[in-house]
C-alpha cells in the first residue's frame, strides 16, 4: 500500500492543536515528529508518486490502524 500524509507544515507555530491520531500513525511508520492541525491521507501513484485518491482498501486500512493505535 502506498500513500502519503499531507501535513500543515506551520501548524505548530500557527497555534494549531496537536493531531494525536495523525501523530500516532506517523510514529508507527517511523516518522518521529508531532503533527499539528489538519492532516490529509492521499494515495500515491506507484510509478510516478503523484497524489491520487485512496482506494477503499487503503482508507479502511488506515482507519483500522488509527483505531488500533488509539485504543
PDB file of N, CA and C in Angstrom:
ATOM      1  N   UNK A   1       0.852  -1.171   0.000  1.00  0.00           N
ATOM      2  CA  UNK A   1       0.000   0.000   0.000  1.00  0.00           C
ATOM      3  C   UNK A   1       0.897   1.232   0.000  1.00  0.00           C
ATOM      4  N   UNK A   2       0.659   2.130  -0.925  1.00  0.00           N
ATOM      5  CA  UNK A   2       1.444   3.354  -0.986  1.00  0.00           C
ATOM      6  C   UNK A   2       0.523   4.546  -0.789  1.00  0.00           C
ATOM      7  N   UNK A   3       0.846   5.345   0.201  1.00  0.00           N
ATOM      8  CA  UNK A   3       0.072   6.549   0.477  1.00  0.00           C
ATOM      9  C   UNK A   3       0.954   7.558   1.185  1.00  0.00           C
ATOM     10  N   UNK A   4       0.489   8.780   1.209  1.00  0.00           N
ATOM     11  CA  UNK A   4       1.225   9.871   1.838  1.00  0.00           C
ATOM     12  C   UNK A   4       0.311  10.629   2.782  1.00  0.00           C
ATOM     13  N   UNK A   5       0.918  11.315   3.733  1.00  0.00           N
ATOM     14  CA  UNK A   5       0.181  12.260   4.572  1.00  0.00           C
ATOM     15  C   UNK A   5       0.583  13.668   4.166  1.00  0.00           C
ATOM     16  N   UNK A   6      -0.392  14.496   3.913  1.00  0.00           N
ATOM     17  CA  UNK A   6      -0.152  15.920   3.697  1.00  0.00           C
ATOM     18  C   UNK A   6      -0.393  16.586   5.031  1.00  0.00           C
ATOM     19  N   UNK A   7       0.582  17.331   5.509  1.00  0.00           N
ATOM     20  CA  UNK A   7       0.503  17.915   6.844  1.00  0.00           C
ATOM     21  C   UNK A   7       0.548  19.438   6.777  1.00  0.00           C
ATOM     22  N   UNK A   8       0.077  20.058   7.833  1.00  0.00           N
ATOM     23  CA  UNK A   8       0.146  21.505   7.997  1.00  0.00           C
ATOM     24  C   UNK A   8       1.545  21.820   8.505  1.00  0.00           C
ATOM     25  N   UNK A   9       2.432  22.223   7.606  1.00  0.00           N
ATOM     26  CA  UNK A   9       3.840  22.404   7.968  1.00  0.00           C
ATOM     27  C   UNK A   9       4.066  23.511   8.989  1.00  0.00           C
ATOM     28  N   UNK A  10       3.164  24.455   9.075  1.00  0.00           N
ATOM     29  CA  UNK A  10       3.325  25.549  10.036  1.00  0.00           C
ATOM     30  C   UNK A  10       2.296  25.461  11.158  1.00  0.00           C
ATOM     31  N   UNK A  11       1.642  24.324  11.265  1.00  0.00           N
ATOM     32  CA  UNK A  11       0.591  24.165  12.263  1.00  0.00           C
ATOM     33  C   UNK A  11       1.008  24.507  13.676  1.00  0.00           C
ATOM     34  N   UNK A  12       2.156  24.035  14.080  1.00  0.00           N
ATOM     35  CA  UNK A  12       2.597  24.275  15.458  1.00  0.00           C
ATOM     36  C   UNK A  12       2.854  25.758  15.699  1.00  0.00           C
ATOM     37  N   UNK A  13       3.592  26.397  14.821  1.00  0.00           N
ATOM     38  CA  UNK A  13       3.906  27.819  15.029  1.00  0.00           C
ATOM     39  C   UNK A  13       2.682  28.704  14.856  1.00  0.00           C
ATOM     40  N   UNK A  14       1.691  28.218  14.106  1.00  0.00           N
ATOM     41  CA  UNK A  14       0.448  28.971  13.929  1.00  0.00           C
ATOM     42  C   UNK A  14      -0.552  28.722  15.055  1.00  0.00           C
ATOM     43  N   UNK A  15      -0.183  27.867  16.014  1.00  0.00           N
ATOM     44  CA  UNK A  15      -1.042  27.607  17.164  1.00  0.00           C
ATOM     45  C   UNK A  15      -2.095  26.539  16.952  1.00  0.00           C
ATOM     46  N   UNK A  16      -1.943  25.713  15.914  1.00  0.00           N
ATOM     47  CA  UNK A  16      -2.910  24.633  15.678  1.00  0.00           C
ATOM     48  C   UNK A  16      -2.807  23.590  16.787  1.00  0.00           C
ATOM     49  N   UNK A  17      -3.917  22.941  17.048  1.00  0.00           N
ATOM     50  CA  UNK A  17      -3.960  21.892  18.071  1.00  0.00           C
ATOM     51  C   UNK A  17      -3.159  20.672  17.613  1.00  0.00           C
ATOM     52  N   UNK A  18      -2.570  19.939  18.563  1.00  0.00           N
ATOM     53  CA  UNK A  18      -1.894  18.690  18.205  1.00  0.00           C
ATOM     54  C   UNK A  18      -2.894  17.725  17.564  1.00  0.00           C
ATOM     55  N   UNK A  19      -2.437  16.993  16.574  1.00  0.00           N
ATOM     56  CA  UNK A  19      -3.270  15.994  15.911  1.00  0.00           C
ATOM     57  C   UNK A  19      -2.781  14.629  16.386  1.00  0.00           C
ATOM     58  N   UNK A  20      -3.401  14.150  17.455  1.00  0.00           N
ATOM     59  CA  UNK A  20      -2.944  12.911  18.098  1.00  0.00           C
ATOM     60  C   UNK A  20      -3.031  11.716  17.160  1.00  0.00           C
ATOM     61  N   UNK A  21      -4.122  11.577  16.454  1.00  0.00           N
ATOM     62  CA  UNK A  21      -4.282  10.404  15.580  1.00  0.00           C
ATOM     63  C   UNK A  21      -3.232  10.384  14.484  1.00  0.00           C
ATOM     64  N   UNK A  22      -3.042  11.517  13.832  1.00  0.00           N
ATOM     65  CA  UNK A  22      -2.045  11.577  12.760  1.00  0.00           C
ATOM     66  C   UNK A  22      -0.639  11.359  13.314  1.00  0.00           C
ATOM     67  N   UNK A  23      -0.361  11.900  14.489  1.00  0.00           N
ATOM     68  CA  UNK A  23       0.953  11.726  15.108  1.00  0.00           C
ATOM     69  C   UNK A  23       1.203  10.256  15.421  1.00  0.00           C
ATOM     70  N   UNK A  24       0.233   9.574  16.000  1.00  0.00           N
ATOM     71  CA  UNK A  24       0.395   8.151  16.309  1.00  0.00           C
ATOM     72  C   UNK A  24       0.616   7.339  15.044  1.00  0.00           C
ATOM     73  N   UNK A  25      -0.126   7.659  13.998  1.00  0.00           N
ATOM     74  CA  UNK A  25       0.023   6.954  12.725  1.00  0.00           C
ATOM     75  C   UNK A  25       1.418   7.194  12.157  1.00  0.00           C
ATOM     76  N   UNK A  26       1.866   8.431  12.159  1.00  0.00           N
ATOM     77  CA  UNK A  26       3.194   8.750  11.646  1.00  0.00           C
ATOM     78  C   UNK A  26       4.284   8.052  12.462  1.00  0.00           C
ATOM     79  N   UNK A  27       4.152   8.056  13.789  1.00  0.00           N
ATOM     80  CA  UNK A  27       5.139   7.387  14.655  1.00  0.00           C
ATOM     81  C   UNK A  27       5.201   5.894  14.337  1.00  0.00           C
ATOM     82  N   UNK A  28       4.049   5.292  14.110  1.00  0.00           N
ATOM     83  CA  UNK A  28       4.002   3.858  13.799  1.00  0.00           C
ATOM     84  C   UNK A  28       4.846   3.535  12.571  1.00  0.00           C
ATOM     85  N   UNK A  29       4.842   4.450  11.597  1.00  0.00           N
ATOM     86  CA  UNK A  29       5.578   4.220  10.356  1.00  0.00           C
ATOM     87  C   UNK A  29       6.966   4.866  10.351  1.00  0.00           C
ATOM     88  N   UNK A  30       7.456   5.290  11.532  1.00  0.00           N
ATOM     89  CA  UNK A  30       8.831   5.722  11.642  1.00  0.00           C
ATOM     90  C   UNK A  30       9.089   7.213  11.541  1.00  0.00           C
ATOM     91  N   UNK A  31       8.061   8.035  11.438  1.00  0.00           N
ATOM     92  CA  UNK A  31       8.246   9.488  11.418  1.00  0.00           C
ATOM     93  C   UNK A  31       8.054   9.984  12.843  1.00  0.00           C
ATOM     94  N   UNK A  32       9.113  10.476  13.469  1.00  0.00           N
ATOM     95  CA  UNK A  32       9.087  10.740  14.905  1.00  0.00           C
ATOM     96  C   UNK A  32       8.985  12.215  15.263  1.00  0.00           C
ATOM     97  N   UNK A  33       8.033  12.888  14.649  1.00  0.00           N
ATOM     98  CA  UNK A  33       7.731  14.269  14.989  1.00  0.00           C
ATOM     99  C   UNK A  33       6.243  14.362  15.288  1.00  0.00           C
ATOM    100  N   UNK A  34       5.863  15.302  16.112  1.00  0.00           N
ATOM    101  CA  UNK A  34       4.447  15.518  16.393  1.00  0.00           C
ATOM    102  C   UNK A  34       3.837  16.341  15.268  1.00  0.00           C
ATOM    103  N   UNK A  35       2.598  16.027  14.934  1.00  0.00           N
ATOM    104  CA  UNK A  35       1.882  16.730  13.873  1.00  0.00           C
ATOM    105  C   UNK A  35       0.801  17.597  14.492  1.00  0.00           C
ATOM    106  N   UNK A  36       0.589  18.756  13.897  1.00  0.00           N
ATOM    107  CA  UNK A  36      -0.383  19.723  14.404  1.00  0.00           C
ATOM    108  C   UNK A  36      -1.319  20.123  13.272  1.00  0.00           C
ATOM    109  N   UNK A  37      -2.556  20.378  13.637  1.00  0.00           N
ATOM    110  CA  UNK A  37      -3.516  20.861  12.658  1.00  0.00           C
ATOM    111  C   UNK A  37      -4.043  19.750  11.763  1.00  0.00           C
ATOM    112  N   UNK A  38      -4.561  20.165  10.622  1.00  0.00           N
ATOM    113  CA  UNK A  38      -5.175  19.226   9.692  1.00  0.00           C
ATOM    114  C   UNK A  38      -4.127  18.372   8.990  1.00  0.00           C
ATOM    115  N   UNK A  39      -4.478  17.117   8.790  1.00  0.00           N
ATOM    116  CA  UNK A  39      -3.635  16.168   8.062  1.00  0.00           C
ATOM    117  C   UNK A  39      -4.544  15.398   7.117  1.00  0.00           C
ATOM    118  N   UNK A  40      -4.084  15.219   5.878  1.00  0.00           N
ATOM    119  CA  UNK A  40      -4.883  14.523   4.874  1.00  0.00           C
ATOM    120  C   UNK A  40      -4.074  13.346   4.342  1.00  0.00           C
ATOM    121  N   UNK A  41      -4.696  12.174   4.297  1.00  0.00           N
ATOM    122  CA  UNK A  41      -4.059  10.995   3.707  1.00  0.00           C
ATOM    123  C   UNK A  41      -4.490  10.906   2.244  1.00  0.00           C
ATOM    124  N   UNK A  42      -3.512  10.709   1.369  1.00  0.00           N
ATOM    125  CA  UNK A  42      -3.784  10.551  -0.064  1.00  0.00           C
ATOM    126  C   UNK A  42      -3.040   9.329  -0.568  1.00  0.00           C
ATOM    127  N   UNK A  43      -3.536   8.752  -1.636  1.00  0.00           N
ATOM    128  CA  UNK A  43      -2.827   7.669  -2.284  1.00  0.00           C
ATOM    129  C   UNK A  43      -1.651   8.225  -3.066  1.00  0.00           C
ATOM    130  N   UNK A  44      -0.719   7.372  -3.410  1.00  0.00           N
ATOM    131  CA  UNK A  44       0.436   7.773  -4.221  1.00  0.00           C
ATOM    132  C   UNK A  44       0.552   6.807  -5.391  1.00  0.00           C
ATOM    133  N   UNK A  45       0.615   7.354  -6.601  1.00  0.00           N
ATOM    134  CA  UNK A  45       0.753   6.527  -7.798  1.00  0.00           C
ATOM    135  C   UNK A  45       2.041   5.715  -7.699  1.00  0.00           C
ATOM    136  N   UNK A  46       1.949   4.436  -7.930  1.00  0.00           N
ATOM    137  CA  UNK A  46       3.088   3.527  -7.750  1.00  0.00           C
ATOM    138  C   UNK A  46       4.307   3.921  -8.582  1.00  0.00           C
ATOM    139  N   UNK A  47       4.089   4.409  -9.806  1.00  0.00           N
ATOM    140  CA  UNK A  47       5.213   4.704 -10.696  1.00  0.00           C
ATOM    141  C   UNK A  47       5.712   6.134 -10.595  1.00  0.00           C
ATOM    142  N   UNK A  48       4.786   7.084 -10.449  1.00  0.00           N
ATOM    143  CA  UNK A  48       5.172   8.494 -10.503  1.00  0.00           C
ATOM    144  C   UNK A  48       5.241   9.167  -9.145  1.00  0.00           C
ATOM    145  N   UNK A  49       4.560   8.591  -8.148  1.00  0.00           N
ATOM    146  CA  UNK A  49       4.493   9.216  -6.831  1.00  0.00           C
ATOM    147  C   UNK A  49       3.480  10.332  -6.753  1.00  0.00           C
ATOM    148  N   UNK A  50       2.789  10.610  -7.868  1.00  0.00           N
ATOM    149  CA  UNK A  50       1.757  11.651  -7.868  1.00  0.00           C
ATOM    150  C   UNK A  50       0.643  11.292  -6.894  1.00  0.00           C
ATOM    151  N   UNK A  51       0.030  12.313  -6.324  1.00  0.00           N
ATOM    152  CA  UNK A  51      -1.087  12.104  -5.402  1.00  0.00           C
ATOM    153  C   UNK A  51      -2.324  11.661  -6.169  1.00  0.00           C
ATOM    154  N   UNK A  52      -2.968  10.650  -5.637  1.00  0.00           N
ATOM    155  CA  UNK A  52      -4.213  10.125  -6.199  1.00  0.00           C
ATOM    156  C   UNK A  52      -5.142   9.819  -5.028  1.00  0.00           C
ATOM    157  N   UNK A  53      -6.394   9.566  -5.318  1.00  0.00           N
ATOM    158  CA  UNK A  53      -7.325   9.198  -4.263  1.00  0.00           C
ATOM    159  C   UNK A  53      -6.956   7.869  -3.638  1.00  0.00           C
ATOM    160  N   UNK A  54      -7.289   7.737  -2.365  1.00  0.00           N
ATOM    161  CA  UNK A  54      -7.096   6.451  -1.694  1.00  0.00           C
ATOM    162  C   UNK A  54      -8.079   5.437  -2.248  1.00  0.00           C
ATOM    163  N   UNK A  55      -7.656   4.202  -2.344  1.00  0.00           N
ATOM    164  CA  UNK A  55      -8.603   3.145  -2.660  1.00  0.00           C
ATOM    165  C   UNK A  55      -9.428   2.868  -1.401  1.00  0.00           C
ATOM    166  N   UNK A  56     -10.540   2.198  -1.568  1.00  0.00           N
ATOM    167  CA  UNK A  56     -11.343   1.838  -0.396  1.00  0.00           C
ATOM    168  C   UNK A  56     -10.511   1.001   0.577  1.00  0.00           C
ATOM    169  N   UNK A  57      -9.711   0.090   0.042  1.00  0.00           N
ATOM    170  CA  UNK A  57      -8.890  -0.777   0.894  1.00  0.00           C
ATOM    171  C   UNK A  57      -7.856   0.047   1.670  1.00  0.00           C
ATOM    172  N   UNK A  58      -7.251   1.043   1.031  1.00  0.00           N
ATOM    173  CA  UNK A  58      -6.280   1.897   1.721  1.00  0.00           C
ATOM    174  C   UNK A  58      -6.953   2.691   2.834  1.00  0.00           C
ATOM    175  N   UNK A  59      -8.093   3.287   2.521  1.00  0.00           N
ATOM    176  CA  UNK A  59      -8.811   4.089   3.520  1.00  0.00           C
ATOM    177  C   UNK A  59      -9.199   3.220   4.717  1.00  0.00           C
ATOM    178  N   UNK A  60      -9.673   2.015   4.447  1.00  0.00           N
ATOM    179  CA  UNK A  60     -10.054   1.101   5.526  1.00  0.00           C
ATOM    180  C   UNK A  60      -8.836   0.683   6.349  1.00  0.00           C
ATOM    181  N   UNK A  61      -7.714   0.419   5.688  1.00  0.00           N
ATOM    182  CA  UNK A  61      -6.503   0.005   6.405  1.00  0.00           C
ATOM    183  C   UNK A  61      -5.978   1.131   7.297  1.00  0.00           C
ATOM    184  N   UNK A  62      -5.982   2.356   6.794  1.00  0.00           N
ATOM    185  CA  UNK A  62      -5.524   3.494   7.591  1.00  0.00           C
ATOM    186  C   UNK A  62      -6.458   3.712   8.780  1.00  0.00           C
ATOM    187  N   UNK A  63      -7.749   3.659   8.531  1.00  0.00           N
ATOM    188  CA  UNK A  63      -8.737   3.832   9.597  1.00  0.00           C
ATOM    189  C   UNK A  63      -8.573   2.754  10.661  1.00  0.00           C
ATOM    190  N   UNK A  64      -8.364   1.525  10.217  1.00  0.00           N
ATOM    191  CA  UNK A  64      -8.181   0.406  11.157  1.00  0.00           C
ATOM    192  C   UNK A  64      -6.905   0.596  11.988  1.00  0.00           C
ATOM    193  N   UNK A  65      -5.818   1.019  11.343  1.00  0.00           N
ATOM    194  CA  UNK A  65      -4.553   1.221  12.059  1.00  0.00           C
ATOM    195  C   UNK A  65      -4.694   2.328  13.097  1.00  0.00           C
ATOM    196  N   UNK A  66      -5.334   3.430  12.733  1.00  0.00           N
ATOM    197  CA  UNK A  66      -5.538   4.524  13.689  1.00  0.00           C
ATOM    198  C   UNK A  66      -6.367   4.036  14.862  1.00  0.00           C
ATOM    199  N   UNK A  67      -7.402   3.257  14.607  1.00  0.00           N
ATOM    200  CA  UNK A  67      -8.242   2.724  15.691  1.00  0.00           C
ATOM    201  C   UNK A  67      -7.411   1.845  16.615  1.00  0.00           C
ATOM    202  N   UNK A  68      -6.537   1.014  16.052  1.00  0.00           N
ATOM    203  CA  UNK A  68      -5.689   0.156  16.872  1.00  0.00           C
ATOM    204  C   UNK A  68      -4.743   0.986  17.744  1.00  0.00           C
ATOM    205  N   UNK A  69      -4.218   2.055  17.184  1.00  0.00           N
ATOM    206  CA  UNK A  69      -3.249   2.879  17.905  1.00  0.00           C
ATOM    207  C   UNK A  69      -3.879   3.754  18.987  1.00  0.00           C
ATOM    208  N   UNK A  70      -5.164   4.017  18.857  1.00  0.00           N
ATOM    209  CA  UNK A  70      -5.812   4.916  19.807  1.00  0.00           C
ATOM    210  C   UNK A  70      -6.659   4.170  20.830  1.00  0.00           C
ATOM    211  N   UNK A  71      -6.715   2.855  20.726  1.00  0.00           N
ATOM    212  CA  UNK A  71      -7.482   2.067  21.710  1.00  0.00           C
ATOM    213  C   UNK A  71      -6.742   1.931  23.012  1.00  0.00           C
TER     214      UNK A  71
END
